């Protein structure tokens, strides 16, 4: 029964949106002489496009609810910008974080964080948080880390990492390439498959994409509510993406690399851009032991 439960996607409904006042309480009023530069601003739902352009689509694809933006100032120093995204569910906050990860070294803030060139981002519970400065200096960098740590400590909620992550062959992929999602738009950002949603991705599914250390091929895992949904997605994908496979589940693509797919009980595993057919099959053999 335990293995069956592991394979079930995270069927959770969005919780209530947190109020702007409650989100404001997550932020320190001052730190190292940095204080509020102006009143905070909030953006709910599609209002996010009033603050950012195309990037707003990514957050909406991860269930974005509300954004709180707060600027801090200190005379003679860099302005610190804090963005707190209420993503409604921990799976969404985790996904938003993985969508950006790999840009810098990991930091032990929140339930997963990174820092590079003045930007520190992390996720914790239902929140994805960015703390940033335009130009680094020692005092400003110290304040960025201090502010991020204080916000993380104020967030009492903890979130679970989606169970599909445990199904990956942990020693074989590059951790910084992991992308968790459940929408076709996000898949196509990181590996373009098709405009049409061939894998039938939706909020009832879980998906993860990684790159393999040995040959830089891509491994995609998708969990469905049941075997029927997995069968339908497999049929649609093989018919429209790899018709030349003729039911074999493996095909050589135009770039002279290999794509292969296989189904477990309620999950699909797909390898893209493998250097050889043997490499694709070997990786799928390893994954199938985890998803059957």
C-alpha atoms as a PDB file:
ATOM      1  CA  UNK A   1       0.000   0.000   0.000  1.00  0.00           C
ATOM      2  CA  UNK A   2       2.873   2.380   0.780  1.00  0.00           C
ATOM      3  CA  UNK A   3       4.232   2.197  -2.779  1.00  0.00           C
ATOM      4  CA  UNK A   4       0.762   2.819  -4.181  1.00  0.00           C
ATOM      5  CA  UNK A   5       0.326   5.925  -2.055  1.00  0.00           C
ATOM      6  CA  UNK A   6       3.702   7.180  -3.219  1.00  0.00           C
ATOM      7  CA  UNK A   7       2.502   7.042  -6.806  1.00  0.00           C
ATOM      8  CA  UNK A   8      -0.656   9.030  -6.203  1.00  0.00           C
ATOM      9  CA  UNK A   9      -0.412  12.674  -7.358  1.00  0.00           C
ATOM     10  CA  UNK A  10      -0.919  15.453  -4.884  1.00  0.00           C
ATOM     11  CA  UNK A  11      -4.668  15.968  -5.103  1.00  0.00           C
ATOM     12  CA  UNK A  12      -5.007  19.160  -3.102  1.00  0.00           C
ATOM     13  CA  UNK A  13      -7.395  22.049  -3.510  1.00  0.00           C
ATOM     14  CA  UNK A  14      -6.160  25.651  -3.189  1.00  0.00           C
ATOM     15  CA  UNK A  15      -6.489  27.082   0.283  1.00  0.00           C
ATOM     16  CA  UNK A  16      -7.815  30.588   0.936  1.00  0.00           C
ATOM     17  CA  UNK A  17      -5.694  33.490  -0.218  1.00  0.00           C
ATOM     18  CA  UNK A  18      -3.701  35.091   2.588  1.00  0.00           C
ATOM     19  CA  UNK A  19      -4.678  38.729   3.195  1.00  0.00           C
ATOM     20  CA  UNK A  20      -2.225  41.540   2.389  1.00  0.00           C
ATOM     21  CA  UNK A  21      -2.133  42.437   6.086  1.00  0.00           C
ATOM     22  CA  UNK A  22      -1.139  38.886   7.022  1.00  0.00           C
ATOM     23  CA  UNK A  23       1.545  38.835   4.334  1.00  0.00           C
ATOM     24  CA  UNK A  24       2.896  42.181   5.549  1.00  0.00           C
ATOM     25  CA  UNK A  25       3.436  40.664   8.989  1.00  0.00           C
ATOM     26  CA  UNK A  26       5.965  38.267   7.441  1.00  0.00           C
ATOM     27  CA  UNK A  27       8.341  41.164   6.776  1.00  0.00           C
ATOM     28  CA  UNK A  28      10.686  42.897   9.229  1.00  0.00           C
ATOM     29  CA  UNK A  29      10.042  46.623   9.630  1.00  0.00           C
ATOM     30  CA  UNK A  30      13.769  47.349   9.711  1.00  0.00           C
ATOM     31  CA  UNK A  31      17.136  45.585   9.550  1.00  0.00           C
ATOM     32  CA  UNK A  32      20.698  46.983   9.727  1.00  0.00           C
ATOM     33  CA  UNK A  33      19.295  50.526   9.258  1.00  0.00           C
ATOM     34  CA  UNK A  34      17.262  49.561   6.190  1.00  0.00           C
ATOM     35  CA  UNK A  35      13.650  50.673   6.662  1.00  0.00           C
ATOM     36  CA  UNK A  36      10.512  50.790   4.522  1.00  0.00           C
ATOM     37  CA  UNK A  37      11.126  53.076   1.549  1.00  0.00           C
ATOM     38  CA  UNK A  38       7.419  53.305   0.712  1.00  0.00           C
ATOM     39  CA  UNK A  39       4.172  51.489   1.488  1.00  0.00           C
ATOM     40  CA  UNK A  40       4.019  47.941   0.192  1.00  0.00           C
ATOM     41  CA  UNK A  41       2.091  47.085  -2.967  1.00  0.00           C
ATOM     42  CA  UNK A  42      -0.017  44.009  -3.609  1.00  0.00           C
ATOM     43  CA  UNK A  43      -1.073  42.321  -6.836  1.00  0.00           C
ATOM     44  CA  UNK A  44      -3.746  39.628  -6.950  1.00  0.00           C
ATOM     45  CA  UNK A  45      -4.286  37.119  -9.764  1.00  0.00           C
ATOM     46  CA  UNK A  46      -3.789  38.631 -13.202  1.00  0.00           C
ATOM     47  CA  UNK A  47      -2.885  41.971 -11.637  1.00  0.00           C
ATOM     48  CA  UNK A  48       0.620  40.497 -11.558  1.00  0.00           C
ATOM     49  CA  UNK A  49       1.002  41.794 -15.129  1.00  0.00           C
ATOM     50  CA  UNK A  50       0.839  45.338 -13.733  1.00  0.00           C
ATOM     51  CA  UNK A  51       4.132  44.533 -11.990  1.00  0.00           C
ATOM     52  CA  UNK A  52       5.870  42.187 -14.432  1.00  0.00           C
ATOM     53  CA  UNK A  53       5.307  41.262 -18.047  1.00  0.00           C
ATOM     54  CA  UNK A  54       5.618  37.768 -19.530  1.00  0.00           C
ATOM     55  CA  UNK A  55       7.055  36.251 -16.355  1.00  0.00           C
ATOM     56  CA  UNK A  56       3.619  36.566 -14.807  1.00  0.00           C
ATOM     57  CA  UNK A  57       2.416  33.659 -16.940  1.00  0.00           C
ATOM     58  CA  UNK A  58       4.861  31.350 -15.185  1.00  0.00           C
ATOM     59  CA  UNK A  59       3.546  32.213 -11.733  1.00  0.00           C
ATOM     60  CA  UNK A  60      -0.069  31.875 -12.877  1.00  0.00           C
ATOM     61  CA  UNK A  61       0.770  28.427 -14.268  1.00  0.00           C
ATOM     62  CA  UNK A  62       1.869  27.495 -10.741  1.00  0.00           C
ATOM     63  CA  UNK A  63      -1.354  28.621  -9.049  1.00  0.00           C
ATOM     64  CA  UNK A  64      -0.255  32.143  -8.051  1.00  0.00           C
ATOM     65  CA  UNK A  65      -2.678  33.981  -5.751  1.00  0.00           C
ATOM     66  CA  UNK A  66      -1.099  37.222  -4.532  1.00  0.00           C
ATOM     67  CA  UNK A  67       2.207  39.135  -4.614  1.00  0.00           C
ATOM     68  CA  UNK A  68       3.421  41.529  -1.920  1.00  0.00           C
ATOM     69  CA  UNK A  69       6.205  43.925  -2.962  1.00  0.00           C
ATOM     70  CA  UNK A  70       8.148  45.880  -0.339  1.00  0.00           C
ATOM     71  CA  UNK A  71      11.136  48.170  -0.905  1.00  0.00           C
ATOM     72  CA  UNK A  72      13.659  49.023   1.815  1.00  0.00           C
ATOM     73  CA  UNK A  73      16.038  51.996   1.805  1.00  0.00           C
ATOM     74  CA  UNK A  74      19.097  53.117   3.739  1.00  0.00           C
ATOM     75  CA  UNK A  75      20.932  56.382   3.046  1.00  0.00           C
ATOM     76  CA  UNK A  76      23.964  55.829   0.830  1.00  0.00           C
ATOM     77  CA  UNK A  77      23.148  52.167   0.286  1.00  0.00           C
ATOM     78  CA  UNK A  78      21.482  49.855  -2.199  1.00  0.00           C
ATOM     79  CA  UNK A  79      17.709  49.571  -2.177  1.00  0.00           C
ATOM     80  CA  UNK A  80      16.504  46.114  -1.129  1.00  0.00           C
ATOM     81  CA  UNK A  81      13.499  44.733  -2.980  1.00  0.00           C
ATOM     82  CA  UNK A  82      11.420  41.969  -1.385  1.00  0.00           C
ATOM     83  CA  UNK A  83       8.800  39.977  -3.298  1.00  0.00           C
ATOM     84  CA  UNK A  84       6.587  37.516  -1.424  1.00  0.00           C
ATOM     85  CA  UNK A  85       4.467  35.287  -3.659  1.00  0.00           C
ATOM     86  CA  UNK A  86       1.491  33.501  -2.118  1.00  0.00           C
ATOM     87  CA  UNK A  87       1.328  30.401  -4.326  1.00  0.00           C
ATOM     88  CA  UNK A  88      -1.680  28.914  -2.460  1.00  0.00           C
ATOM     89  CA  UNK A  89      -0.108  25.462  -1.979  1.00  0.00           C
ATOM     90  CA  UNK A  90       3.369  24.197  -1.058  1.00  0.00           C
ATOM     91  CA  UNK A  91       3.571  22.190  -4.310  1.00  0.00           C
ATOM     92  CA  UNK A  92       3.171  25.461  -6.222  1.00  0.00           C
ATOM     93  CA  UNK A  93       5.773  27.318  -4.169  1.00  0.00           C
ATOM     94  CA  UNK A  94       8.185  24.420  -4.642  1.00  0.00           C
ATOM     95  CA  UNK A  95       7.494  24.423  -8.375  1.00  0.00           C
ATOM     96  CA  UNK A  96       8.078  28.166  -8.688  1.00  0.00           C
ATOM     97  CA  UNK A  97      11.409  27.732  -6.908  1.00  0.00           C
ATOM     98  CA  UNK A  98      12.517  24.822  -9.103  1.00  0.00           C
ATOM     99  CA  UNK A  99      11.559  26.783 -12.204  1.00  0.00           C
ATOM    100  CA  UNK A 100      14.371  29.237 -11.354  1.00  0.00           C
ATOM    101  CA  UNK A 101      16.901  27.026  -9.593  1.00  0.00           C
ATOM    102  CA  UNK A 102      20.365  26.331 -10.933  1.00  0.00           C
ATOM    103  CA  UNK A 103      21.461  29.954 -11.248  1.00  0.00           C
ATOM    104  CA  UNK A 104      23.615  29.995  -8.125  1.00  0.00           C
ATOM    105  CA  UNK A 105      24.813  28.002  -5.110  1.00  0.00           C
ATOM    106  CA  UNK A 106      22.307  26.670  -2.598  1.00  0.00           C
ATOM    107  CA  UNK A 107      21.720  28.473   0.704  1.00  0.00           C
ATOM    108  CA  UNK A 108      20.159  27.066   3.864  1.00  0.00           C
ATOM    109  CA  UNK A 109      17.206  29.414   4.054  1.00  0.00           C
ATOM    110  CA  UNK A 110      13.599  28.251   3.902  1.00  0.00           C
ATOM    111  CA  UNK A 111      13.017  24.757   2.564  1.00  0.00           C
ATOM    112  CA  UNK A 112      15.337  25.389  -0.349  1.00  0.00           C
ATOM    113  CA  UNK A 113      17.157  28.524  -1.433  1.00  0.00           C
ATOM    114  CA  UNK A 114      19.788  29.929  -3.794  1.00  0.00           C
ATOM    115  CA  UNK A 115      21.847  33.100  -4.044  1.00  0.00           C
ATOM    116  CA  UNK A 116      23.613  34.688  -6.984  1.00  0.00           C
ATOM    117  CA  UNK A 117      24.559  38.238  -7.968  1.00  0.00           C
ATOM    118  CA  UNK A 118      22.383  39.996  -5.432  1.00  0.00           C
ATOM    119  CA  UNK A 119      19.304  37.762  -5.708  1.00  0.00           C
ATOM    120  CA  UNK A 120      18.336  35.340  -2.941  1.00  0.00           C
ATOM    121  CA  UNK A 121      15.222  33.262  -3.541  1.00  0.00           C
ATOM    122  CA  UNK A 122      13.677  30.499  -1.431  1.00  0.00           C
ATOM    123  CA  UNK A 123      10.449  28.616  -0.835  1.00  0.00           C
ATOM    124  CA  UNK A 124       8.744  27.668   2.386  1.00  0.00           C
ATOM    125  CA  UNK A 125       5.217  26.401   2.875  1.00  0.00           C
ATOM    126  CA  UNK A 126       2.925  28.155   0.404  1.00  0.00           C
ATOM    127  CA  UNK A 127       5.350  31.031  -0.198  1.00  0.00           C
ATOM    128  CA  UNK A 128       8.026  31.739  -2.786  1.00  0.00           C
ATOM    129  CA  UNK A 129      10.217  34.683  -1.764  1.00  0.00           C
ATOM    130  CA  UNK A 130      12.799  36.826  -3.572  1.00  0.00           C
ATOM    131  CA  UNK A 131      15.095  39.322  -1.811  1.00  0.00           C
ATOM    132  CA  UNK A 132      17.382  41.308  -4.090  1.00  0.00           C
ATOM    133  CA  UNK A 133      19.736  44.229  -4.643  1.00  0.00           C
ATOM    134  CA  UNK A 134      21.011  45.658  -7.943  1.00  0.00           C
ATOM    135  CA  UNK A 135      24.687  45.949  -6.989  1.00  0.00           C
ATOM    136  CA  UNK A 136      26.414  43.827  -4.383  1.00  0.00           C
ATOM    137  CA  UNK A 137      28.471  45.141  -1.490  1.00  0.00           C
ATOM    138  CA  UNK A 138      29.254  43.493   1.824  1.00  0.00           C
ATOM    139  CA  UNK A 139      26.703  45.372   3.936  1.00  0.00           C
ATOM    140  CA  UNK A 140      23.887  45.040   1.414  1.00  0.00           C
ATOM    141  CA  UNK A 141      24.568  41.342   0.859  1.00  0.00           C
ATOM    142  CA  UNK A 142      24.547  40.782   4.623  1.00  0.00           C
ATOM    143  CA  UNK A 143      21.191  42.555   4.809  1.00  0.00           C
ATOM    144  CA  UNK A 144      19.752  40.425   1.989  1.00  0.00           C
ATOM    145  CA  UNK A 145      20.685  37.225   3.808  1.00  0.00           C
ATOM    146  CA  UNK A 146      19.481  38.589   7.136  1.00  0.00           C
ATOM    147  CA  UNK A 147      16.155  39.729   5.732  1.00  0.00           C
ATOM    148  CA  UNK A 148      15.552  36.425   3.927  1.00  0.00           C
ATOM    149  CA  UNK A 149      16.342  34.499   7.111  1.00  0.00           C
ATOM    150  CA  UNK A 150      13.952  36.642   9.158  1.00  0.00           C
ATOM    151  CA  UNK A 151      11.127  36.161   6.655  1.00  0.00           C
ATOM    152  CA  UNK A 152      11.749  32.415   6.597  1.00  0.00           C
ATOM    153  CA  UNK A 153      11.621  32.228  10.386  1.00  0.00           C
ATOM    154  CA  UNK A 154       8.346  34.156  10.439  1.00  0.00           C
ATOM    155  CA  UNK A 155       6.726  31.702   8.014  1.00  0.00           C
ATOM    156  CA  UNK A 156       5.625  28.916  10.356  1.00  0.00           C
ATOM    157  CA  UNK A 157       4.124  26.693   7.669  1.00  0.00           C
ATOM    158  CA  UNK A 158       6.166  23.821   6.244  1.00  0.00           C
ATOM    159  CA  UNK A 159       5.444  22.144   2.920  1.00  0.00           C
ATOM    160  CA  UNK A 160       6.072  18.634   1.655  1.00  0.00           C
ATOM    161  CA  UNK A 161       8.154  18.019  -1.445  1.00  0.00           C
ATOM    162  CA  UNK A 162       5.941  16.247  -4.013  1.00  0.00           C
ATOM    163  CA  UNK A 163       6.258  12.475  -3.818  1.00  0.00           C
ATOM    164  CA  UNK A 164       7.154  12.139  -7.497  1.00  0.00           C
ATOM    165  CA  UNK A 165      10.617  13.527  -6.727  1.00  0.00           C
ATOM    166  CA  UNK A 166      11.437  10.358  -4.767  1.00  0.00           C
ATOM    167  CA  UNK A 167      10.805   8.290  -7.909  1.00  0.00           C
ATOM    168  CA  UNK A 168      13.760   9.831  -9.740  1.00  0.00           C
ATOM    169  CA  UNK A 169      17.029   7.869  -9.941  1.00  0.00           C
ATOM    170  CA  UNK A 170      18.696  10.112  -7.383  1.00  0.00           C
ATOM    171  CA  UNK A 171      22.325   9.440  -8.303  1.00  0.00           C
ATOM    172  CA  UNK A 172      21.830   9.932 -12.034  1.00  0.00           C
ATOM    173  CA  UNK A 173      20.512  13.460 -12.517  1.00  0.00           C
ATOM    174  CA  UNK A 174      21.842  16.974 -12.000  1.00  0.00           C
ATOM    175  CA  UNK A 175      19.911  18.377  -8.997  1.00  0.00           C
ATOM    176  CA  UNK A 176      20.069  21.963 -10.223  1.00  0.00           C
ATOM    177  CA  UNK A 177      18.185  20.988 -13.408  1.00  0.00           C
ATOM    178  CA  UNK A 178      15.117  19.642 -11.584  1.00  0.00           C
ATOM    179  CA  UNK A 179      11.857  21.302 -12.655  1.00  0.00           C
ATOM    180  CA  UNK A 180       8.570  20.348 -10.988  1.00  0.00           C
ATOM    181  CA  UNK A 181       5.277  21.332 -12.660  1.00  0.00           C
ATOM    182  CA  UNK A 182       1.849  20.189 -13.829  1.00  0.00           C
ATOM    183  CA  UNK A 183       1.208  22.468 -16.800  1.00  0.00           C
ATOM    184  CA  UNK A 184       2.283  22.065 -20.417  1.00  0.00           C
ATOM    185  CA  UNK A 185       3.416  25.704 -20.575  1.00  0.00           C
ATOM    186  CA  UNK A 186       6.149  25.029 -18.021  1.00  0.00           C
ATOM    187  CA  UNK A 187       7.309  21.841 -19.738  1.00  0.00           C
ATOM    188  CA  UNK A 188       7.734  23.728 -23.003  1.00  0.00           C
ATOM    189  CA  UNK A 189       9.863  26.403 -21.323  1.00  0.00           C
ATOM    190  CA  UNK A 190      12.455  23.828 -20.313  1.00  0.00           C
ATOM    191  CA  UNK A 191      12.019  21.272 -23.103  1.00  0.00           C
ATOM    192  CA  UNK A 192       9.715  22.044 -25.983  1.00  0.00           C
ATOM    193  CA  UNK A 193       7.481  19.112 -26.908  1.00  0.00           C
ATOM    194  CA  UNK A 194       4.442  20.587 -28.671  1.00  0.00           C
ATOM    195  CA  UNK A 195       1.965  23.419 -28.383  1.00  0.00           C
ATOM    196  CA  UNK A 196      -0.742  20.828 -27.853  1.00  0.00           C
ATOM    197  CA  UNK A 197      -0.881  19.267 -24.395  1.00  0.00           C
ATOM    198  CA  UNK A 198       0.140  15.772 -25.548  1.00  0.00           C
ATOM    199  CA  UNK A 199       0.767  14.515 -22.002  1.00  0.00           C
ATOM    200  CA  UNK A 200      -2.637  15.737 -20.742  1.00  0.00           C
ATOM    201  CA  UNK A 201      -0.991  17.742 -17.957  1.00  0.00           C
ATOM    202  CA  UNK A 202      -3.343  19.418 -15.482  1.00  0.00           C
ATOM    203  CA  UNK A 203      -3.744  20.103 -11.760  1.00  0.00           C
ATOM    204  CA  UNK A 204      -4.507  16.421 -11.118  1.00  0.00           C
ATOM    205  CA  UNK A 205      -1.085  15.391 -12.446  1.00  0.00           C
ATOM    206  CA  UNK A 206       2.470  15.769 -11.160  1.00  0.00           C
ATOM    207  CA  UNK A 207       5.487  16.066 -13.445  1.00  0.00           C
ATOM    208  CA  UNK A 208       9.219  16.479 -13.048  1.00  0.00           C
ATOM    209  CA  UNK A 209      11.929  17.082 -15.642  1.00  0.00           C
ATOM    210  CA  UNK A 210      15.660  16.578 -15.024  1.00  0.00           C
ATOM    211  CA  UNK A 211      18.864  16.282 -17.036  1.00  0.00           C
ATOM    212  CA  UNK A 212      21.033  13.208 -16.703  1.00  0.00           C
ATOM    213  CA  UNK A 213      24.637  13.623 -15.558  1.00  0.00           C
ATOM    214  CA  UNK A 214      26.255  11.118 -17.906  1.00  0.00           C
ATOM    215  CA  UNK A 215      24.951  12.312 -21.283  1.00  0.00           C
ATOM    216  CA  UNK A 216      22.815  15.436 -20.617  1.00  0.00           C
ATOM    217  CA  UNK A 217      19.685  13.697 -21.880  1.00  0.00           C
ATOM    218  CA  UNK A 218      16.321  14.666 -20.393  1.00  0.00           C
ATOM    219  CA  UNK A 219      14.145  12.476 -18.191  1.00  0.00           C
ATOM    220  CA  UNK A 220      10.473  13.358 -17.786  1.00  0.00           C
ATOM    221  CA  UNK A 221       8.271  11.614 -15.200  1.00  0.00           C
ATOM    222  CA  UNK A 222       4.525  12.183 -14.988  1.00  0.00           C
ATOM    223  CA  UNK A 223       2.017  10.773 -12.488  1.00  0.00           C
ATOM    224  CA  UNK A 224      -1.693  10.531 -13.252  1.00  0.00           C
ATOM    225  CA  UNK A 225      -4.730   9.918 -11.046  1.00  0.00           C
ATOM    226  CA  UNK A 226      -5.004   6.416 -12.493  1.00  0.00           C
ATOM    227  CA  UNK A 227      -3.893   3.985 -15.176  1.00  0.00           C
ATOM    228  CA  UNK A 228      -6.644   5.048 -17.589  1.00  0.00           C
ATOM    229  CA  UNK A 229      -5.358   8.627 -17.706  1.00  0.00           C
ATOM    230  CA  UNK A 230      -1.777   7.420 -18.149  1.00  0.00           C
ATOM    231  CA  UNK A 231      -2.824   5.134 -21.022  1.00  0.00           C
ATOM    232  CA  UNK A 232      -4.617   7.988 -22.793  1.00  0.00           C
ATOM    233  CA  UNK A 233      -1.630  10.324 -22.475  1.00  0.00           C
ATOM    234  CA  UNK A 234       0.788   7.665 -23.707  1.00  0.00           C
ATOM    235  CA  UNK A 235      -1.402   6.946 -26.730  1.00  0.00           C
ATOM    236  CA  UNK A 236      -1.676  10.643 -27.603  1.00  0.00           C
ATOM    237  CA  UNK A 237       2.051  11.276 -27.197  1.00  0.00           C
ATOM    238  CA  UNK A 238       3.229   8.273 -29.215  1.00  0.00           C
ATOM    239  CA  UNK A 239       0.685   8.861 -31.982  1.00  0.00           C
ATOM    240  CA  UNK A 240       1.508  12.530 -32.481  1.00  0.00           C
ATOM    241  CA  UNK A 241       5.139  12.910 -31.381  1.00  0.00           C
ATOM    242  CA  UNK A 242       6.703   9.619 -32.416  1.00  0.00           C
ATOM    243  CA  UNK A 243       4.445   7.862 -34.964  1.00  0.00           C
ATOM    244  CA  UNK A 244       7.499   6.240 -36.578  1.00  0.00           C
ATOM    245  CA  UNK A 245       8.036   4.160 -33.427  1.00  0.00           C
ATOM    246  CA  UNK A 246       5.167   1.876 -34.522  1.00  0.00           C
ATOM    247  CA  UNK A 247       4.406   0.883 -30.956  1.00  0.00           C
ATOM    248  CA  UNK A 248       8.014   0.129 -29.971  1.00  0.00           C
ATOM    249  CA  UNK A 249       8.195   3.137 -27.643  1.00  0.00           C
ATOM    250  CA  UNK A 250      11.501   4.326 -29.083  1.00  0.00           C
ATOM    251  CA  UNK A 251      12.430   6.477 -32.071  1.00  0.00           C
ATOM    252  CA  UNK A 252      15.392   8.373 -33.494  1.00  0.00           C
ATOM    253  CA  UNK A 253      14.527  12.041 -33.903  1.00  0.00           C
ATOM    254  CA  UNK A 254      15.626  14.661 -36.429  1.00  0.00           C
ATOM    255  CA  UNK A 255      18.563  15.747 -34.261  1.00  0.00           C
ATOM    256  CA  UNK A 256      19.974  12.186 -34.528  1.00  0.00           C
ATOM    257  CA  UNK A 257      19.227  11.506 -30.873  1.00  0.00           C
ATOM    258  CA  UNK A 258      16.748   9.128 -29.287  1.00  0.00           C
ATOM    259  CA  UNK A 259      13.378   9.486 -27.588  1.00  0.00           C
ATOM    260  CA  UNK A 260      11.864   6.590 -25.657  1.00  0.00           C
ATOM    261  CA  UNK A 261       8.869   6.193 -23.370  1.00  0.00           C
ATOM    262  CA  UNK A 262       7.431   3.636 -21.005  1.00  0.00           C
ATOM    263  CA  UNK A 263       4.403   3.368 -18.727  1.00  0.00           C
ATOM    264  CA  UNK A 264       4.172   2.201 -15.136  1.00  0.00           C
ATOM    265  CA  UNK A 265       0.953   1.662 -13.218  1.00  0.00           C
ATOM    266  CA  UNK A 266      -0.213   5.273 -13.298  1.00  0.00           C
ATOM    267  CA  UNK A 267       2.953   7.002 -14.485  1.00  0.00           C
ATOM    268  CA  UNK A 268       4.861   7.729 -17.671  1.00  0.00           C
ATOM    269  CA  UNK A 269       8.625   7.946 -18.070  1.00  0.00           C
ATOM    270  CA  UNK A 270      10.051   9.604 -21.173  1.00  0.00           C
ATOM    271  CA  UNK A 271      13.681  10.064 -22.198  1.00  0.00           C
ATOM    272  CA  UNK A 272      14.523  12.819 -24.685  1.00  0.00           C
ATOM    273  CA  UNK A 273      17.825  13.442 -26.496  1.00  0.00           C
ATOM    274  CA  UNK A 274      19.568  10.223 -25.454  1.00  0.00           C
ATOM    275  CA  UNK A 275      22.782   9.706 -27.468  1.00  0.00           C
ATOM    276  CA  UNK A 276      21.943   6.071 -28.244  1.00  0.00           C
ATOM    277  CA  UNK A 277      18.943   3.782 -28.177  1.00  0.00           C
ATOM    278  CA  UNK A 278      20.746   1.627 -25.615  1.00  0.00           C
ATOM    279  CA  UNK A 279      21.256   4.608 -23.295  1.00  0.00           C
ATOM    280  CA  UNK A 280      17.569   5.517 -23.495  1.00  0.00           C
ATOM    281  CA  UNK A 281      16.460   1.967 -22.733  1.00  0.00           C
ATOM    282  CA  UNK A 282      18.931   1.590 -19.876  1.00  0.00           C
ATOM    283  CA  UNK A 283      17.614   4.718 -18.170  1.00  0.00           C
ATOM    284  CA  UNK A 284      14.003   3.629 -18.649  1.00  0.00           C
ATOM    285  CA  UNK A 285      14.803   0.198 -17.204  1.00  0.00           C
ATOM    286  CA  UNK A 286      16.112   1.898 -14.084  1.00  0.00           C
ATOM    287  CA  UNK A 287      13.092   4.192 -13.783  1.00  0.00           C
ATOM    288  CA  UNK A 288      10.505   1.505 -14.465  1.00  0.00           C
ATOM    289  CA  UNK A 289      11.553  -0.378 -11.353  1.00  0.00           C
ATOM    290  CA  UNK A 290      10.418   2.691  -9.405  1.00  0.00           C
ATOM    291  CA  UNK A 291       7.089   3.363 -11.139  1.00  0.00           C
ATOM    292  CA  UNK A 292       5.658  -0.105 -11.763  1.00  0.00           C
END
